Amino acid sequence: MNLKKEILAIMLMRFKIQPLHAIPMLESWFAEHPQATWETLKNLLKEDKLTVFDGSLQELSQQPYKLLCIDDSPLILQEIERFLEKLNYSVFLIKNPIQATRELIRIVPDLILMDVNMPGIDGYKLCRLIRNHSVLKTKPVVMMTGNTGFLDRAKARMVGATDYLTKPFSCAEFLEVVQKYLG
């Protein structure tokens, strides 16, 4: 397989972008990076150093960590954004858990925080999907919920959650969990 076809295949598998849409993105990326080669681009894609955002390829090295938070409560998302606003993280907030499945693959976050009780698909099912995806299976997943029981924690572990954060949580508790996985 030649290098161009391999890159198009990577973009299709990782970002679900058809070659017809990927080609203009690649042309734009090469216009912005005239010194780059196809080999350079392939290596950046394989090392997860590029993502697709707003219809273009973007390098991730400019943003040290990406957090993706999934919660159907706008209030919780607003508080998480407030907790993280002074830190140098790229934060993606998603209210719709069904939309999250597509965004997770597109963004490939360094840390995933999600509510357990959501409409459409609950956090347990979503966590199981994440653990079955080759690009996401090693990413830390923190379940956030008001459920405090031992069985809830055990169920979260069984589906592959890395950690568990009980709501309501303080800014200090939240940041402690975030820094535990992102350093």
N, C-alpha and C. Protein backbone atom coordinates (compact mmCIF):
# COMPACT_ATOMS: atom_id res chain seq x y z
N MET A 1 0.86 -1.18 0.00
CA MET A 1 0.00 0.00 0.00
C MET A 1 0.90 1.24 0.00
N ASN A 2 0.60 2.19 -0.87
CA ASN A 2 1.44 3.38 -0.88
C ASN A 2 1.09 4.29 0.30
N LEU A 3 1.97 5.22 0.60
CA LEU A 3 1.86 6.08 1.77
C LEU A 3 0.57 6.89 1.80
N LYS A 4 0.17 7.45 0.69
CA LYS A 4 -1.05 8.26 0.63
C LYS A 4 -2.28 7.42 0.98
N LYS A 5 -2.35 6.22 0.42
CA LYS A 5 -3.48 5.34 0.71
C LYS A 5 -3.47 4.91 2.18
N GLU A 6 -2.30 4.71 2.73
CA GLU A 6 -2.19 4.32 4.14
C GLU A 6 -2.69 5.45 5.05
N ILE A 7 -2.34 6.67 4.71
CA ILE A 7 -2.79 7.83 5.50
C ILE A 7 -4.31 7.98 5.38
N LEU A 8 -4.85 7.81 4.20
CA LEU A 8 -6.31 7.89 4.02
C LEU A 8 -7.00 6.78 4.83
N ALA A 9 -6.38 5.60 4.87
CA ALA A 9 -6.96 4.50 5.66
C ALA A 9 -6.93 4.82 7.15
N ILE A 10 -5.84 5.42 7.62
CA ILE A 10 -5.73 5.82 9.03
C ILE A 10 -6.82 6.83 9.36
N MET A 11 -7.01 7.81 8.48
CA MET A 11 -8.02 8.85 8.72
C MET A 11 -9.43 8.25 8.72
N LEU A 12 -9.66 7.27 7.87
CA LEU A 12 -10.96 6.62 7.83
C LEU A 12 -11.21 5.84 9.12
N MET A 13 -10.20 5.07 9.55
CA MET A 13 -10.37 4.25 10.75
C MET A 13 -10.43 5.09 12.02
N ARG A 14 -9.54 6.06 12.15
CA ARG A 14 -9.46 6.83 13.39
C ARG A 14 -10.53 7.88 13.50
N PHE A 15 -10.77 8.63 12.42
CA PHE A 15 -11.68 9.77 12.49
C PHE A 15 -12.99 9.56 11.73
N LYS A 16 -13.12 8.40 11.08
CA LYS A 16 -14.32 8.09 10.29
C LYS A 16 -14.53 9.11 9.17
N ILE A 17 -13.42 9.55 8.57
CA ILE A 17 -13.48 10.54 7.49
C ILE A 17 -13.23 9.83 6.17
N GLN A 18 -14.17 9.94 5.27
CA GLN A 18 -14.06 9.31 3.95
C GLN A 18 -12.96 10.01 3.15
N PRO A 19 -12.28 9.28 2.25
CA PRO A 19 -11.21 9.87 1.44
C PRO A 19 -11.62 11.15 0.71
N LEU A 20 -12.86 11.20 0.24
CA LEU A 20 -13.34 12.39 -0.47
C LEU A 20 -13.23 13.65 0.40
N HIS A 21 -13.49 13.50 1.72
CA HIS A 21 -13.41 14.63 2.64
C HIS A 21 -12.00 14.79 3.21
N ALA A 22 -11.25 13.70 3.26
CA ALA A 22 -9.90 13.75 3.84
C ALA A 22 -8.92 14.47 2.92
N ILE A 23 -9.07 14.31 1.63
CA ILE A 23 -8.11 14.89 0.69
C ILE A 23 -8.00 16.41 0.83
N PRO A 24 -9.12 17.17 0.90
CA PRO A 24 -8.97 18.63 1.10
C PRO A 24 -8.30 18.96 2.44
N MET A 25 -8.57 18.15 3.48
CA MET A 25 -7.91 18.38 4.78
C MET A 25 -6.40 18.19 4.65
N LEU A 26 -6.00 17.15 3.92
CA LEU A 26 -4.58 16.88 3.73
C LEU A 26 -3.91 17.99 2.93
N GLU A 27 -4.58 18.44 1.88
CA GLU A 27 -4.03 19.53 1.07
C GLU A 27 -3.85 20.79 1.91
N SER A 28 -4.84 21.10 2.74
CA SER A 28 -4.75 22.26 3.61
C SER A 28 -3.62 22.11 4.63
N TRP A 29 -3.48 20.91 5.18
CA TRP A 29 -2.42 20.67 6.17
C TRP A 29 -1.04 20.85 5.54
N PHE A 30 -0.86 20.30 4.34
CA PHE A 30 0.43 20.45 3.66
C PHE A 30 0.70 21.90 3.27
N ALA A 31 -0.35 22.67 2.97
CA ALA A 31 -0.17 24.09 2.65
C ALA A 31 0.33 24.86 3.88
N GLU A 32 -0.16 24.45 5.06
CA GLU A 32 0.28 25.10 6.31
C GLU A 32 1.64 24.59 6.79
N HIS A 33 2.05 23.41 6.32
CA HIS A 33 3.32 22.79 6.73
C HIS A 33 4.12 22.41 5.47
N PRO A 34 4.66 23.40 4.76
CA PRO A 34 5.32 23.11 3.48
C PRO A 34 6.55 22.22 3.59
N GLN A 35 7.17 22.15 4.76
CA GLN A 35 8.36 21.32 4.94
C GLN A 35 8.01 19.86 5.22
N ALA A 36 6.77 19.58 5.53
CA ALA A 36 6.34 18.23 5.92
C ALA A 36 6.31 17.29 4.71
N THR A 37 6.51 16.02 5.01
CA THR A 37 6.42 14.97 3.99
C THR A 37 5.25 14.05 4.34
N TRP A 38 4.92 13.16 3.43
CA TRP A 38 3.87 12.18 3.70
C TRP A 38 4.29 11.29 4.87
N GLU A 39 5.57 10.99 4.96
CA GLU A 39 6.08 10.16 6.06
C GLU A 39 5.90 10.88 7.40
N THR A 40 6.17 12.19 7.42
CA THR A 40 5.97 13.00 8.63
C THR A 40 4.51 12.93 9.07
N LEU A 41 3.63 13.13 8.11
CA LEU A 41 2.20 13.11 8.41
C LEU A 41 1.77 11.74 8.95
N LYS A 42 2.24 10.69 8.32
CA LYS A 42 1.91 9.33 8.77
C LYS A 42 2.36 9.12 10.22
N ASN A 43 3.58 9.53 10.53
CA ASN A 43 4.10 9.37 11.89
C ASN A 43 3.28 10.17 12.91
N LEU A 44 2.91 11.39 12.57
CA LEU A 44 2.09 12.20 13.47
C LEU A 44 0.73 11.55 13.72
N LEU A 45 0.14 10.99 12.69
CA LEU A 45 -1.14 10.31 12.84
C LEU A 45 -1.00 9.05 13.69
N LYS A 46 0.04 8.27 13.44
CA LYS A 46 0.23 7.03 14.19
C LYS A 46 0.55 7.29 15.66
N GLU A 47 1.18 8.42 15.95
CA GLU A 47 1.53 8.77 17.34
C GLU A 47 0.43 9.56 18.03
N ASP A 48 -0.75 9.66 17.41
CA ASP A 48 -1.88 10.40 17.97
C ASP A 48 -1.54 11.86 18.26
N LYS A 49 -0.74 12.47 17.39
CA LYS A 49 -0.37 13.87 17.57
C LYS A 49 -1.19 14.81 16.70
N LEU A 50 -2.14 14.24 15.97
CA LEU A 50 -3.04 15.04 15.14
C LEU A 50 -4.48 14.64 15.45
N THR A 51 -5.37 15.61 15.32
CA THR A 51 -6.79 15.32 15.44
C THR A 51 -7.52 16.12 14.38
N VAL A 52 -8.78 15.81 14.19
CA VAL A 52 -9.61 16.57 13.27
C VAL A 52 -10.53 17.43 14.11
N PHE A 53 -10.45 18.74 13.87
CA PHE A 53 -11.30 19.66 14.61
C PHE A 53 -11.74 20.76 13.66
N ASP A 54 -13.01 21.07 13.65
CA ASP A 54 -13.59 22.08 12.76
C ASP A 54 -13.23 21.82 11.30
N GLY A 55 -13.22 20.56 10.90
CA GLY A 55 -13.00 20.22 9.50
C GLY A 55 -11.57 20.29 9.03
N SER A 56 -10.60 20.37 9.95
CA SER A 56 -9.20 20.41 9.53
C SER A 56 -8.33 19.58 10.47
N LEU A 57 -7.18 19.17 9.95
CA LEU A 57 -6.21 18.46 10.77
C LEU A 57 -5.49 19.47 11.66
N GLN A 58 -5.38 19.15 12.95
CA GLN A 58 -4.70 20.06 13.87
C GLN A 58 -3.74 19.28 14.74
N GLU A 59 -2.59 19.88 14.99
CA GLU A 59 -1.59 19.25 15.85
C GLU A 59 -2.00 19.40 17.31
N LEU A 60 -1.72 18.35 18.09
CA LEU A 60 -2.10 18.34 19.49
C LEU A 60 -0.98 18.83 20.39
N SER A 61 0.20 18.96 19.87
CA SER A 61 1.33 19.37 20.71
C SER A 61 1.13 20.75 21.32
N GLN A 62 0.26 21.56 20.73
CA GLN A 62 0.00 22.90 21.25
C GLN A 62 -0.84 22.85 22.53
N GLN A 63 -1.55 21.78 22.72
CA GLN A 63 -2.42 21.65 23.88
C GLN A 63 -2.01 20.37 24.62
N PRO A 64 -1.38 20.52 25.79
CA PRO A 64 -0.79 19.36 26.44
C PRO A 64 -1.75 18.22 26.77
N TYR A 65 -2.90 18.51 27.31
CA TYR A 65 -3.84 17.46 27.68
C TYR A 65 -5.24 17.80 27.21
N LYS A 66 -5.95 16.75 26.78
CA LYS A 66 -7.34 16.91 26.34
C LYS A 66 -8.23 16.13 27.31
N LEU A 67 -9.21 16.82 27.87
CA LEU A 67 -10.20 16.20 28.73
C LEU A 67 -11.53 16.26 28.04
N LEU A 68 -12.24 15.15 28.07
CA LEU A 68 -13.57 15.12 27.51
C LEU A 68 -14.53 14.76 28.64
N CYS A 69 -15.49 15.63 28.89
CA CYS A 69 -16.46 15.44 29.97
C CYS A 69 -17.84 15.22 29.36
N ILE A 70 -18.49 14.13 29.78
CA ILE A 70 -19.81 13.80 29.27
C ILE A 70 -20.78 13.80 30.45
N ASP A 71 -21.75 14.68 30.41
CA ASP A 71 -22.76 14.75 31.46
C ASP A 71 -23.98 15.43 30.88
N ASP A 72 -25.15 14.90 31.16
CA ASP A 72 -26.37 15.49 30.61
C ASP A 72 -26.81 16.72 31.39
N SER A 73 -26.11 17.06 32.46
CA SER A 73 -26.45 18.24 33.25
C SER A 73 -25.59 19.44 32.83
N PRO A 74 -26.20 20.47 32.26
CA PRO A 74 -25.44 21.67 31.89
C PRO A 74 -24.76 22.31 33.10
N LEU A 75 -25.37 22.22 34.27
CA LEU A 75 -24.79 22.79 35.49
C LEU A 75 -23.47 22.09 35.85
N ILE A 76 -23.46 20.79 35.79
CA ILE A 76 -22.23 20.03 36.09
C ILE A 76 -21.14 20.39 35.07
N LEU A 77 -21.49 20.44 33.80
CA LEU A 77 -20.51 20.79 32.77
C LEU A 77 -19.97 22.19 32.97
N GLN A 78 -20.83 23.10 33.37
CA GLN A 78 -20.42 24.48 33.63
C GLN A 78 -19.43 24.53 34.80
N GLU A 79 -19.70 23.77 35.84
CA GLU A 79 -18.80 23.73 37.00
C GLU A 79 -17.45 23.11 36.63
N ILE A 80 -17.47 22.05 35.85
CA ILE A 80 -16.23 21.41 35.42
C ILE A 80 -15.40 22.39 34.61
N GLU A 81 -16.05 23.11 33.72
CA GLU A 81 -15.35 24.12 32.92
C GLU A 81 -14.75 25.19 33.82
N ARG A 82 -15.49 25.60 34.84
CA ARG A 82 -14.99 26.61 35.78
C ARG A 82 -13.78 26.07 36.56
N PHE A 83 -13.85 24.81 36.99
CA PHE A 83 -12.74 24.20 37.72
C PHE A 83 -11.46 24.17 36.88
N LEU A 84 -11.62 23.98 35.58
CA LEU A 84 -10.46 23.78 34.70
C LEU A 84 -10.00 25.03 33.96
N GLU A 85 -10.73 26.15 34.11
CA GLU A 85 -10.46 27.32 33.28
C GLU A 85 -9.06 27.90 33.44
N LYS A 86 -8.45 27.77 34.59
CA LYS A 86 -7.13 28.35 34.80
C LYS A 86 -5.99 27.39 34.47
N LEU A 87 -6.34 26.16 34.14
CA LEU A 87 -5.33 25.16 33.81
C LEU A 87 -5.17 25.08 32.30
N ASN A 88 -4.02 24.66 31.87
CA ASN A 88 -3.74 24.59 30.44
C ASN A 88 -4.20 23.26 29.85
N TYR A 89 -5.50 23.00 29.92
CA TYR A 89 -6.08 21.81 29.35
C TYR A 89 -7.03 22.22 28.23
N SER A 90 -7.15 21.35 27.26
CA SER A 90 -8.16 21.54 26.24
C SER A 90 -9.37 20.73 26.70
N VAL A 91 -10.47 21.42 26.96
CA VAL A 91 -11.64 20.78 27.57
C VAL A 91 -12.77 20.70 26.55
N PHE A 92 -13.32 19.50 26.41
CA PHE A 92 -14.44 19.27 25.51
C PHE A 92 -15.62 18.83 26.38
N LEU A 93 -16.71 19.58 26.32
CA LEU A 93 -17.89 19.30 27.14
C LEU A 93 -19.01 18.79 26.24
N ILE A 94 -19.55 17.63 26.59
CA ILE A 94 -20.59 17.03 25.76
C ILE A 94 -21.79 16.68 26.63
N LYS A 95 -22.93 17.20 26.23
CA LYS A 95 -24.18 16.98 26.98
C LYS A 95 -24.91 15.72 26.51
N ASN A 96 -24.74 15.35 25.27
CA ASN A 96 -25.47 14.23 24.68
C ASN A 96 -24.55 13.00 24.62
N PRO A 97 -24.84 11.95 25.41
CA PRO A 97 -23.95 10.78 25.43
C PRO A 97 -23.89 10.02 24.10
N ILE A 98 -24.93 10.10 23.31
CA ILE A 98 -24.90 9.43 22.01
C ILE A 98 -23.94 10.15 21.06
N GLN A 99 -23.93 11.48 21.11
CA GLN A 99 -22.99 12.27 20.33
C GLN A 99 -21.56 12.02 20.81
N ALA A 100 -21.41 11.69 22.07
CA ALA A 100 -20.08 11.49 22.66
C ALA A 100 -19.31 10.36 21.99
N THR A 101 -19.99 9.33 21.56
CA THR A 101 -19.28 8.20 20.95
C THR A 101 -18.49 8.65 19.73
N ARG A 102 -19.07 9.49 18.90
CA ARG A 102 -18.38 10.01 17.72
C ARG A 102 -17.26 10.95 18.12
N GLU A 103 -17.53 11.82 19.08
CA GLU A 103 -16.53 12.81 19.50
C GLU A 103 -15.33 12.16 20.19
N LEU A 104 -15.55 11.11 20.94
CA LEU A 104 -14.44 10.41 21.60
C LEU A 104 -13.41 9.94 20.59
N ILE A 105 -13.88 9.36 19.50
CA ILE A 105 -12.98 8.84 18.47
C ILE A 105 -12.30 9.99 17.74
N ARG A 106 -13.02 11.06 17.51
CA ARG A 106 -12.46 12.20 16.79
C ARG A 106 -11.41 12.93 17.63
N ILE A 107 -11.68 13.11 18.90
CA ILE A 107 -10.81 13.90 19.77
C ILE A 107 -9.68 13.07 20.37
N VAL A 108 -9.92 11.83 20.70
CA VAL A 108 -8.99 10.94 21.40
C VAL A 108 -8.44 11.67 22.63
N PRO A 109 -9.30 11.84 23.64
CA PRO A 109 -8.87 12.59 24.84
C PRO A 109 -7.86 11.82 25.69
N ASP A 110 -7.14 12.57 26.52
CA ASP A 110 -6.19 11.96 27.46
C ASP A 110 -6.90 11.48 28.71
N LEU A 111 -8.05 12.06 29.01
CA LEU A 111 -8.85 11.68 30.17
C LEU A 111 -10.32 11.84 29.82
N ILE A 112 -11.12 10.83 30.19
CA ILE A 112 -12.55 10.86 29.93
C ILE A 112 -13.27 10.86 31.27
N LEU A 113 -14.13 11.86 31.49
CA LEU A 113 -14.94 11.95 32.69
C LEU A 113 -16.39 11.84 32.25
N MET A 114 -17.15 10.96 32.90
CA MET A 114 -18.54 10.82 32.45
C MET A 114 -19.49 10.50 33.59
N ASP A 115 -20.70 10.99 33.42
CA ASP A 115 -21.79 10.70 34.33
C ASP A 115 -22.21 9.25 34.12
N VAL A 116 -22.81 8.65 35.13
CA VAL A 116 -23.33 7.29 35.00
C VAL A 116 -24.75 7.32 34.47
N ASN A 117 -25.59 8.15 35.05
CA ASN A 117 -27.02 8.17 34.69
C ASN A 117 -27.28 9.24 33.63
N MET A 118 -27.40 8.77 32.37
CA MET A 118 -27.67 9.68 31.26
C MET A 118 -28.73 9.05 30.35
N PRO A 119 -29.50 9.89 29.66
CA PRO A 119 -30.51 9.35 28.74
C PRO A 119 -29.87 8.80 27.46
N GLY A 120 -30.50 7.82 26.88
CA GLY A 120 -30.01 7.26 25.61
C GLY A 120 -29.03 6.13 25.82
N ILE A 121 -27.92 6.42 26.46
CA ILE A 121 -26.91 5.42 26.77
C ILE A 121 -26.29 5.80 28.11
N ASP A 122 -26.31 4.88 29.05
CA ASP A 122 -25.77 5.24 30.37
C ASP A 122 -24.24 5.12 30.36
N GLY A 123 -23.63 5.63 31.40
CA GLY A 123 -22.18 5.65 31.51
C GLY A 123 -21.55 4.27 31.48
N TYR A 124 -22.23 3.28 32.04
CA TYR A 124 -21.69 1.92 32.04
C TYR A 124 -21.57 1.38 30.62
N LYS A 125 -22.62 1.55 29.82
CA LYS A 125 -22.59 1.07 28.43
C LYS A 125 -21.55 1.85 27.62
N LEU A 126 -21.50 3.16 27.84
CA LEU A 126 -20.53 3.98 27.12
C LEU A 126 -19.10 3.60 27.48
N CYS A 127 -18.86 3.33 28.75
CA CYS A 127 -17.53 2.90 29.19
C CYS A 127 -17.15 1.58 28.53
N ARG A 128 -18.08 0.66 28.45
CA ARG A 128 -17.83 -0.63 27.80
C ARG A 128 -17.46 -0.42 26.33
N LEU A 129 -18.16 0.51 25.65
CA LEU A 129 -17.84 0.82 24.25
C LEU A 129 -16.43 1.39 24.13
N ILE A 130 -16.07 2.27 25.04
CA ILE A 130 -14.74 2.87 25.04
C ILE A 130 -13.67 1.79 25.19
N ARG A 131 -13.89 0.88 26.11
CA ARG A 131 -12.91 -0.19 26.36
C ARG A 131 -12.78 -1.16 25.20
N ASN A 132 -13.78 -1.19 24.32
CA ASN A 132 -13.72 -2.07 23.16
C ASN A 132 -13.14 -1.39 21.92
N HIS A 133 -12.80 -0.11 22.02
CA HIS A 133 -12.25 0.61 20.87
C HIS A 133 -10.74 0.66 20.98
N SER A 134 -10.05 0.28 19.93
CA SER A 134 -8.59 0.15 19.98
C SER A 134 -7.87 1.45 20.34
N VAL A 135 -8.36 2.58 19.88
CA VAL A 135 -7.69 3.86 20.15
C VAL A 135 -7.96 4.36 21.57
N LEU A 136 -9.10 3.98 22.15
CA LEU A 136 -9.52 4.53 23.44
C LEU A 136 -9.33 3.57 24.62
N LYS A 137 -9.07 2.31 24.36
CA LYS A 137 -9.13 1.31 25.43
C LYS A 137 -8.17 1.54 26.59
N THR A 138 -7.09 2.27 26.37
CA THR A 138 -6.13 2.51 27.46
C THR A 138 -6.31 3.88 28.12
N LYS A 139 -7.23 4.67 27.62
CA LYS A 139 -7.45 6.01 28.18
C LYS A 139 -8.16 5.90 29.53
N PRO A 140 -7.75 6.69 30.53
CA PRO A 140 -8.43 6.64 31.82
C PRO A 140 -9.86 7.17 31.72
N VAL A 141 -10.78 6.45 32.36
CA VAL A 141 -12.19 6.83 32.39
C VAL A 141 -12.60 6.98 33.85
N VAL A 142 -13.08 8.17 34.21
CA VAL A 142 -13.56 8.43 35.57
C VAL A 142 -15.07 8.58 35.51
N MET A 143 -15.75 7.72 36.25
CA MET A 143 -17.21 7.80 36.34
C MET A 143 -17.57 8.82 37.42
N MET A 144 -18.51 9.70 37.11
CA MET A 144 -18.97 10.71 38.07
C MET A 144 -20.45 10.46 38.34
N THR A 145 -20.79 10.25 39.60
CA THR A 145 -22.19 9.95 39.91
C THR A 145 -22.53 10.22 41.35
N GLY A 146 -23.80 10.37 41.60
CA GLY A 146 -24.30 10.51 42.96
C GLY A 146 -24.50 9.16 43.63
N ASN A 147 -24.38 8.08 42.86
CA ASN A 147 -24.51 6.73 43.42
C ASN A 147 -23.27 6.42 44.26
N THR A 148 -23.49 6.16 45.54
CA THR A 148 -22.35 5.97 46.45
C THR A 148 -22.14 4.53 46.89
N GLY A 149 -22.97 3.64 46.44
CA GLY A 149 -22.91 2.26 46.92
C GLY A 149 -21.74 1.46 46.38
N PHE A 150 -21.39 0.42 47.13
CA PHE A 150 -20.31 -0.48 46.76
C PHE A 150 -20.61 -1.17 45.42
N LEU A 151 -21.86 -1.55 45.20
CA LEU A 151 -22.23 -2.23 43.96
C LEU A 151 -22.05 -1.32 42.74
N ASP A 152 -22.34 -0.04 42.93
CA ASP A 152 -22.15 0.92 41.83
C ASP A 152 -20.67 1.03 41.45
N ARG A 153 -19.82 1.09 42.47
CA ARG A 153 -18.38 1.16 42.23
C ARG A 153 -17.87 -0.12 41.56
N ALA A 154 -18.37 -1.26 42.03
CA ALA A 154 -17.97 -2.55 41.47
C ALA A 154 -18.41 -2.66 40.00
N LYS A 155 -19.62 -2.21 39.71
CA LYS A 155 -20.12 -2.24 38.33
C LYS A 155 -19.26 -1.36 37.43
N ALA A 156 -18.88 -0.18 37.94
CA ALA A 156 -18.02 0.72 37.18
C ALA A 156 -16.68 0.04 36.86
N ARG A 157 -16.10 -0.62 37.83
CA ARG A 157 -14.83 -1.35 37.61
C ARG A 157 -15.02 -2.47 36.60
N MET A 158 -16.15 -3.17 36.69
CA MET A 158 -16.40 -4.30 35.79
C MET A 158 -16.49 -3.87 34.32
N VAL A 159 -16.99 -2.68 34.06
CA VAL A 159 -17.08 -2.20 32.68
C VAL A 159 -15.81 -1.50 32.22
N GLY A 160 -14.84 -1.36 33.14
CA GLY A 160 -13.54 -0.81 32.74
C GLY A 160 -13.23 0.58 33.22
N ALA A 161 -14.05 1.15 34.11
CA ALA A 161 -13.76 2.49 34.63
C ALA A 161 -12.46 2.46 35.42
N THR A 162 -11.69 3.50 35.29
CA THR A 162 -10.41 3.62 35.98
C THR A 162 -10.60 4.13 37.39
N ASP A 163 -11.58 5.03 37.56
CA ASP A 163 -11.80 5.64 38.87
C ASP A 163 -13.26 6.05 38.98
N TYR A 164 -13.62 6.55 40.16
CA TYR A 164 -15.01 6.85 40.48
C TYR A 164 -15.01 8.12 41.32
N LEU A 165 -15.80 9.10 40.93
CA LEU A 165 -15.89 10.37 41.65
C LEU A 165 -17.34 10.59 42.04
N THR A 166 -17.59 10.73 43.34
CA THR A 166 -18.96 10.85 43.83
C THR A 166 -19.41 12.32 43.81
N LYS A 167 -20.59 12.55 43.22
CA LYS A 167 -21.20 13.88 43.22
C LYS A 167 -21.95 14.07 44.53
N PRO A 168 -22.04 15.25 45.03
CA PRO A 168 -21.34 16.46 44.58
C PRO A 168 -19.88 16.40 45.01
N PHE A 169 -19.02 16.96 44.18
CA PHE A 169 -17.59 16.99 44.49
C PHE A 169 -17.12 18.43 44.50
N SER A 170 -16.07 18.66 45.26
CA SER A 170 -15.50 20.00 45.34
C SER A 170 -14.49 20.19 44.21
N CYS A 171 -14.08 21.42 44.02
CA CYS A 171 -13.07 21.72 43.01
C CYS A 171 -11.78 20.97 43.35
N ALA A 172 -11.40 20.95 44.61
CA ALA A 172 -10.17 20.27 45.04
C ALA A 172 -10.24 18.77 44.75
N GLU A 173 -11.38 18.14 45.06
CA GLU A 173 -11.55 16.70 44.80
C GLU A 173 -11.46 16.42 43.30
N PHE A 174 -12.12 17.25 42.52
CA PHE A 174 -12.14 17.07 41.08
C PHE A 174 -10.72 17.20 40.50
N LEU A 175 -10.03 18.28 40.88
CA LEU A 175 -8.68 18.51 40.35
C LEU A 175 -7.70 17.43 40.81
N GLU A 176 -7.91 16.89 42.00
CA GLU A 176 -7.05 15.81 42.49
C GLU A 176 -7.17 14.58 41.57
N VAL A 177 -8.38 14.25 41.18
CA VAL A 177 -8.59 13.12 40.29
C VAL A 177 -7.99 13.41 38.90
N VAL A 178 -8.22 14.61 38.38
CA VAL A 178 -7.69 14.97 37.07
C VAL A 178 -6.17 14.90 37.08
N GLN A 179 -5.54 15.46 38.09
CA GLN A 179 -4.08 15.48 38.13
C GLN A 179 -3.49 14.10 38.43
N LYS A 180 -4.27 13.25 39.04
CA LYS A 180 -3.84 11.87 39.29
C LYS A 180 -3.53 11.16 37.96
N TYR A 181 -4.34 11.47 36.93
CA TYR A 181 -4.18 10.78 35.65
C TYR A 181 -3.42 11.60 34.60
N LEU A 182 -3.30 12.90 34.81
CA LEU A 182 -2.60 13.72 33.83
C LEU A 182 -1.31 14.33 34.36
N GLY A 183 -1.05 14.15 35.63
CA GLY A 183 0.21 14.63 36.22
C GLY A 183 0.32 16.07 36.44
